[in-house]
Protein backbone atom coordinates (compact mmCIF):
# COMPACT_ATOMS: atom_id res chain seq x y z
CA UNK A 1 -115.93 13.81 21.09
CA UNK A 2 -114.89 15.26 24.37
CA UNK A 3 -111.78 17.28 24.93
CA UNK A 4 -110.38 14.64 27.25
CA UNK A 5 -110.69 11.97 24.63
CA UNK A 6 -108.93 14.20 22.14
CA UNK A 7 -106.04 14.81 24.55
CA UNK A 8 -105.77 11.10 25.25
CA UNK A 9 -105.53 10.29 21.60
CA UNK A 10 -102.98 13.06 20.97
CA UNK A 11 -100.91 11.79 23.88
CA UNK A 12 -101.04 8.29 22.51
CA UNK A 13 -100.10 9.51 19.03
CA UNK A 14 -97.24 11.51 20.50
CA UNK A 15 -96.05 8.48 22.41
CA UNK A 16 -96.12 6.38 19.23
CA UNK A 17 -94.28 9.10 17.33
CA UNK A 18 -91.67 9.40 20.06
CA UNK A 19 -91.23 5.62 20.10
CA UNK A 20 -90.82 5.62 16.32
CA UNK A 21 -88.24 8.39 16.55
CA UNK A 22 -86.41 6.49 19.30
CA UNK A 23 -86.34 3.38 17.15
CA UNK A 24 -85.13 5.39 14.19
CA UNK A 25 -82.42 6.97 16.32
CA UNK A 26 -81.36 3.58 17.58
CA UNK A 27 -81.22 2.24 14.05
CA UNK A 28 -79.20 5.26 13.00
CA UNK A 29 -76.81 4.66 15.91
CA UNK A 30 -76.46 1.10 14.88
CA UNK A 31 -75.81 2.26 11.37
CA UNK A 32 -73.08 4.64 12.60
CA UNK A 33 -71.63 1.91 14.70
CA UNK A 34 -71.73 -0.42 11.72
CA UNK A 35 -70.01 2.14 9.53
CA UNK A 36 -67.52 2.88 12.27
CA UNK A 37 -65.90 -0.55 12.11
CA UNK A 38 -65.99 -0.37 8.36
CA UNK A 39 -64.18 2.96 8.46
CA UNK A 40 -61.86 1.60 11.10
CA UNK A 41 -61.14 -1.41 8.97
CA UNK A 42 -60.52 0.90 6.02
CA UNK A 43 -58.35 3.01 8.26
CA UNK A 44 -56.45 -0.04 9.47
CA UNK A 45 -56.22 -1.21 5.89
CA UNK A 46 -54.81 2.17 4.91
CA UNK A 47 -51.93 2.02 7.41
CA UNK A 48 -51.31 -1.55 6.35
CA UNK A 49 -51.26 -0.42 2.76
CA UNK A 50 -48.95 2.50 3.50
CA UNK A 51 -46.83 0.30 5.72
CA UNK A 52 -46.56 -2.17 2.88
CA UNK A 53 -45.96 0.59 0.36
CA UNK A 54 -43.42 2.40 2.53
CA UNK A 55 -41.16 -0.59 3.09
CA UNK A 56 -41.42 -1.26 -0.63
CA UNK A 57 -40.24 2.29 -1.29
CA UNK A 58 -37.50 1.98 1.35
CA UNK A 59 -36.61 -1.41 0.03
CA UNK A 60 -36.44 0.07 -3.45
CA UNK A 61 -34.21 2.88 -2.23
CA UNK A 62 -32.15 0.55 -0.15
CA UNK A 63 -31.91 -1.89 -3.01
CA UNK A 64 -31.00 0.88 -5.38
CA UNK A 65 -28.40 2.19 -2.94
CA UNK A 66 -27.01 -1.21 -2.19
CA UNK A 67 -26.98 -2.01 -5.88
CA UNK A 68 -25.10 1.19 -6.64
CA UNK A 69 -22.70 0.87 -3.74
CA UNK A 70 -21.60 -2.71 -4.44
CA UNK A 71 -21.26 -1.81 -8.10
CA UNK A 72 -18.86 1.00 -7.21
CA UNK A 73 -17.17 -1.14 -4.64
CA UNK A 74 -16.83 -4.09 -6.97
CA UNK A 75 -15.66 -1.81 -9.78
CA UNK A 76 -13.03 -0.25 -7.55
CA UNK A 77 -12.17 -3.61 -6.13
CA UNK A 78 -11.77 -5.22 -9.51
CA UNK A 79 -9.85 -2.22 -10.83
CA UNK A 80 -7.53 -2.16 -7.88
CA UNK A 81 -7.25 -5.90 -8.05
CA UNK A 82 -6.34 -5.69 -11.70
CA UNK A 83 -3.80 -2.98 -10.97
CA UNK A 84 -2.34 -5.06 -8.18
CA UNK A 85 -2.17 -8.09 -10.43
CA UNK A 86 -0.64 -6.04 -13.21
CA UNK A 87 1.82 -4.54 -10.76
CA UNK A 88 2.72 -7.98 -9.46
CA UNK A 89 2.89 -9.27 -12.99
CA UNK A 90 5.24 -6.49 -14.02
CA UNK A 91 7.31 -6.95 -10.93
CA UNK A 92 7.48 -10.68 -11.48
CA UNK A 93 8.18 -10.16 -15.17
CA UNK A 94 10.92 -7.66 -14.41
CA UNK A 95 12.49 -9.96 -11.86
CA UNK A 96 12.30 -12.95 -14.17
CA UNK A 97 13.61 -10.92 -17.09
CA UNK A 98 16.53 -9.60 -15.11
CA UNK A 99 17.30 -13.02 -13.73
CA UNK A 100 17.08 -14.52 -17.22
CA UNK A 101 19.43 -11.99 -18.83
CA UNK A 102 21.94 -11.57 -16.00
CA UNK A 103 25.25 -13.37 -16.40
CA UNK A 104 27.41 -14.83 -13.68
CA UNK A 105 29.52 -12.27 -11.84
CA UNK A 106 33.12 -11.79 -12.92
CA UNK A 107 35.63 -12.75 -10.24
CA UNK A 108 39.29 -13.63 -9.86
CA UNK A 109 38.74 -17.29 -10.80
CA UNK A 110 37.75 -16.60 -14.42
CA UNK A 111 39.55 -13.33 -15.14
CA UNK A 112 43.02 -11.88 -15.30
CA UNK A 113 43.67 -8.54 -13.57
CA UNK A 114 46.56 -6.17 -14.27
CA UNK A 115 47.56 -2.90 -12.61
CA UNK A 116 49.32 -0.32 -14.78
CA UNK A 117 50.70 3.04 -13.69
CA UNK A 118 49.76 5.70 -16.27
CA UNK A 119 51.38 9.02 -17.07
CA UNK A 120 48.08 10.84 -17.59
CA UNK A 121 46.26 11.71 -15.51
CA UNK A 122 48.91 12.12 -12.81
CA UNK A 123 49.08 9.72 -9.87
CA UNK A 124 46.66 7.26 -11.44
CA UNK A 125 46.67 3.50 -11.72
CA UNK A 126 44.67 1.60 -14.34
CA UNK A 127 43.11 -1.72 -13.38
CA UNK A 128 42.22 -4.01 -16.30
CA UNK A 129 40.10 -7.13 -15.89
CA UNK A 130 39.97 -9.59 -18.83
CA UNK A 131 37.45 -12.41 -19.06
CA UNK A 132 39.45 -15.65 -19.42
CA UNK A 133 36.39 -17.90 -19.16
CA UNK A 134 34.18 -19.38 -21.88
CA UNK A 135 31.00 -17.48 -20.97
CA UNK A 136 29.96 -13.88 -20.53
CA UNK A 137 30.30 -12.41 -17.05
CA UNK A 138 29.07 -9.16 -15.48
CA UNK A 139 31.65 -6.89 -13.91
CA UNK A 140 29.53 -5.14 -11.30
CA UNK A 141 30.33 -2.58 -8.63
CA UNK A 142 33.87 -1.32 -8.17
CA UNK A 143 37.25 -2.81 -7.24
CA UNK A 144 37.66 -3.51 -3.55
CA UNK A 145 41.32 -2.54 -3.55
CA UNK A 146 43.57 -3.20 -0.57
CA UNK A 147 47.03 -1.65 -0.90
CA UNK A 148 49.84 -3.10 1.20
CA UNK A 149 48.86 -3.63 4.82
CA UNK A 150 46.01 -1.11 4.83
CA UNK A 151 43.17 -1.90 7.22
CA UNK A 152 40.56 -0.27 5.01
CA UNK A 153 39.76 0.03 1.32
CA UNK A 154 39.42 3.28 -0.64
CA UNK A 155 36.00 4.82 -1.33
CA UNK A 156 34.43 4.95 -4.79
CA UNK A 157 33.78 8.12 -6.77
CA UNK A 158 29.98 8.01 -7.06
CA UNK A 159 29.92 10.23 -10.15
CA UNK A 160 31.61 7.45 -12.12
CA UNK A 161 28.65 5.05 -11.82
CA UNK A 162 28.07 3.53 -15.30
CA UNK A 163 24.74 3.77 -17.10
CA UNK A 164 24.57 0.00 -17.62
CA UNK A 165 26.10 -3.16 -16.22
CA UNK A 166 29.53 -3.88 -17.67
CA UNK A 167 29.32 -7.26 -19.43
CA UNK A 168 32.49 -9.00 -20.61
CA UNK A 169 32.38 -11.59 -23.36
CA UNK A 170 35.23 -14.13 -23.37
CA UNK A 171 38.45 -12.23 -24.12
CA UNK A 172 36.94 -8.78 -23.47
CA UNK A 173 38.18 -6.39 -20.79
CA UNK A 174 36.70 -3.94 -18.29
CA UNK A 175 38.49 -1.09 -16.55
CA UNK A 176 38.68 0.95 -13.36
CA UNK A 177 40.82 3.92 -12.47
CA UNK A 178 42.57 4.52 -9.14
CA UNK A 179 43.57 7.97 -7.90
CA UNK A 180 46.63 7.08 -5.81
CA UNK A 181 47.35 10.44 -4.18
CA UNK A 182 46.60 14.14 -4.39
CA UNK A 183 48.45 15.81 -7.26
CA UNK A 184 48.98 19.01 -5.26
CA UNK A 185 50.46 17.25 -2.24
CA UNK A 186 47.45 18.04 -0.03
CA UNK A 187 46.94 14.40 0.98
CA UNK A 188 48.13 13.02 4.29
CA UNK A 189 49.18 9.72 5.82
CA UNK A 190 51.07 8.73 2.68
CA UNK A 191 53.02 5.48 2.29
CA UNK A 192 54.44 3.26 -0.44
CA UNK A 193 52.50 0.08 -1.18
CA UNK A 194 54.12 -2.84 -2.97
CA UNK A 195 51.21 -5.28 -2.98
CA UNK A 196 47.60 -5.05 -4.09
CA UNK A 197 44.61 -7.34 -3.61
CA UNK A 198 41.53 -6.65 -5.75
CA UNK A 199 38.18 -7.97 -4.60
CA UNK A 200 35.03 -8.27 -6.74
CA UNK A 201 31.34 -8.04 -5.95
CA UNK A 202 31.32 -11.84 -5.60
CA UNK A 203 33.76 -14.71 -5.73
CA UNK A 204 37.53 -15.00 -5.64
CA UNK A 205 39.93 -12.07 -5.39
CA UNK A 206 42.87 -11.23 -7.65
CA UNK A 207 46.42 -10.09 -6.83
CA UNK A 208 47.82 -8.03 -9.72
CA UNK A 209 51.50 -7.13 -9.57
CA UNK A 210 52.52 -3.54 -8.85
CA UNK A 211 55.62 -1.82 -10.23
CA UNK A 212 58.78 -3.05 -8.50
CA UNK A 213 59.29 0.29 -6.74
CA UNK A 214 55.70 0.17 -5.48
CA UNK A 215 53.15 2.99 -5.69
CA UNK A 216 52.73 5.97 -3.38
CA UNK A 217 49.26 6.37 -1.86
CA UNK A 218 47.77 8.81 0.63
CA UNK A 219 44.35 9.49 2.15
CA UNK A 220 43.05 10.86 -1.17
CA UNK A 221 43.08 7.31 -2.51
CA UNK A 222 39.86 6.75 -4.54
CA UNK A 223 38.63 4.22 -7.12
CA UNK A 224 36.06 4.41 -9.93
CA UNK A 225 33.31 1.96 -10.77
CA UNK A 226 34.13 -0.70 -13.34
CA UNK A 227 33.76 0.74 -16.85
CA UNK A 228 33.28 -0.71 -20.30
CA UNK A 229 35.70 1.80 -21.86
CA UNK A 230 39.26 2.61 -20.78
CA UNK A 231 38.77 6.34 -21.33
CA UNK A 232 35.84 6.40 -18.86
CA UNK A 233 37.99 4.73 -16.21
CA UNK A 234 40.65 7.46 -16.48
CA UNK A 235 38.25 10.41 -16.71
CA UNK A 236 38.12 10.90 -12.92
């Protein structure tokens, strides 16, 4: 065999080998390209999976948070609501209770009022109100006392406020003291009053008689609140 023939055959074999390699390379490229989409689909599946998983986690957190928050809110709301209801209930109960136990107010129409000058303490007048009606009445506040032609009424001594409402059963009496004038002569604008009108918290007034000579009053004139006991009325 000649050298030329040998070279021709080698060249042909090389060509076949190169063609086989090229085909193999092309197949490998196709294989890579085939795997590429598969990886891409896995990759796209992975984000989808994590996207799905992540919202689930967020949803779980959000759900947990929203579950906790409404629970607190509803607990506070119901607690506050209960307190409000209880408060309203108590308030309503107190109002109803007070309204149910309160008697009609004493006034001049169902009582008799007397004014008595006392020797002790000095310069004091005792007002006595007796229930002449057939039912209990409450003697509230203090006497609105107008002496003579006075344009104003005397103030009340706040320290004499009673601990409880003075209630008079039929035939019972309540009392108030009146400081007519300063015992040391320090009062001013004094005059002698011969008439007295006593007003009550509600209803008709009363006009108790004063001593015939009248009573001397000055700008120290002061009254006490109505009292259940005579001694309390004269303690000021």
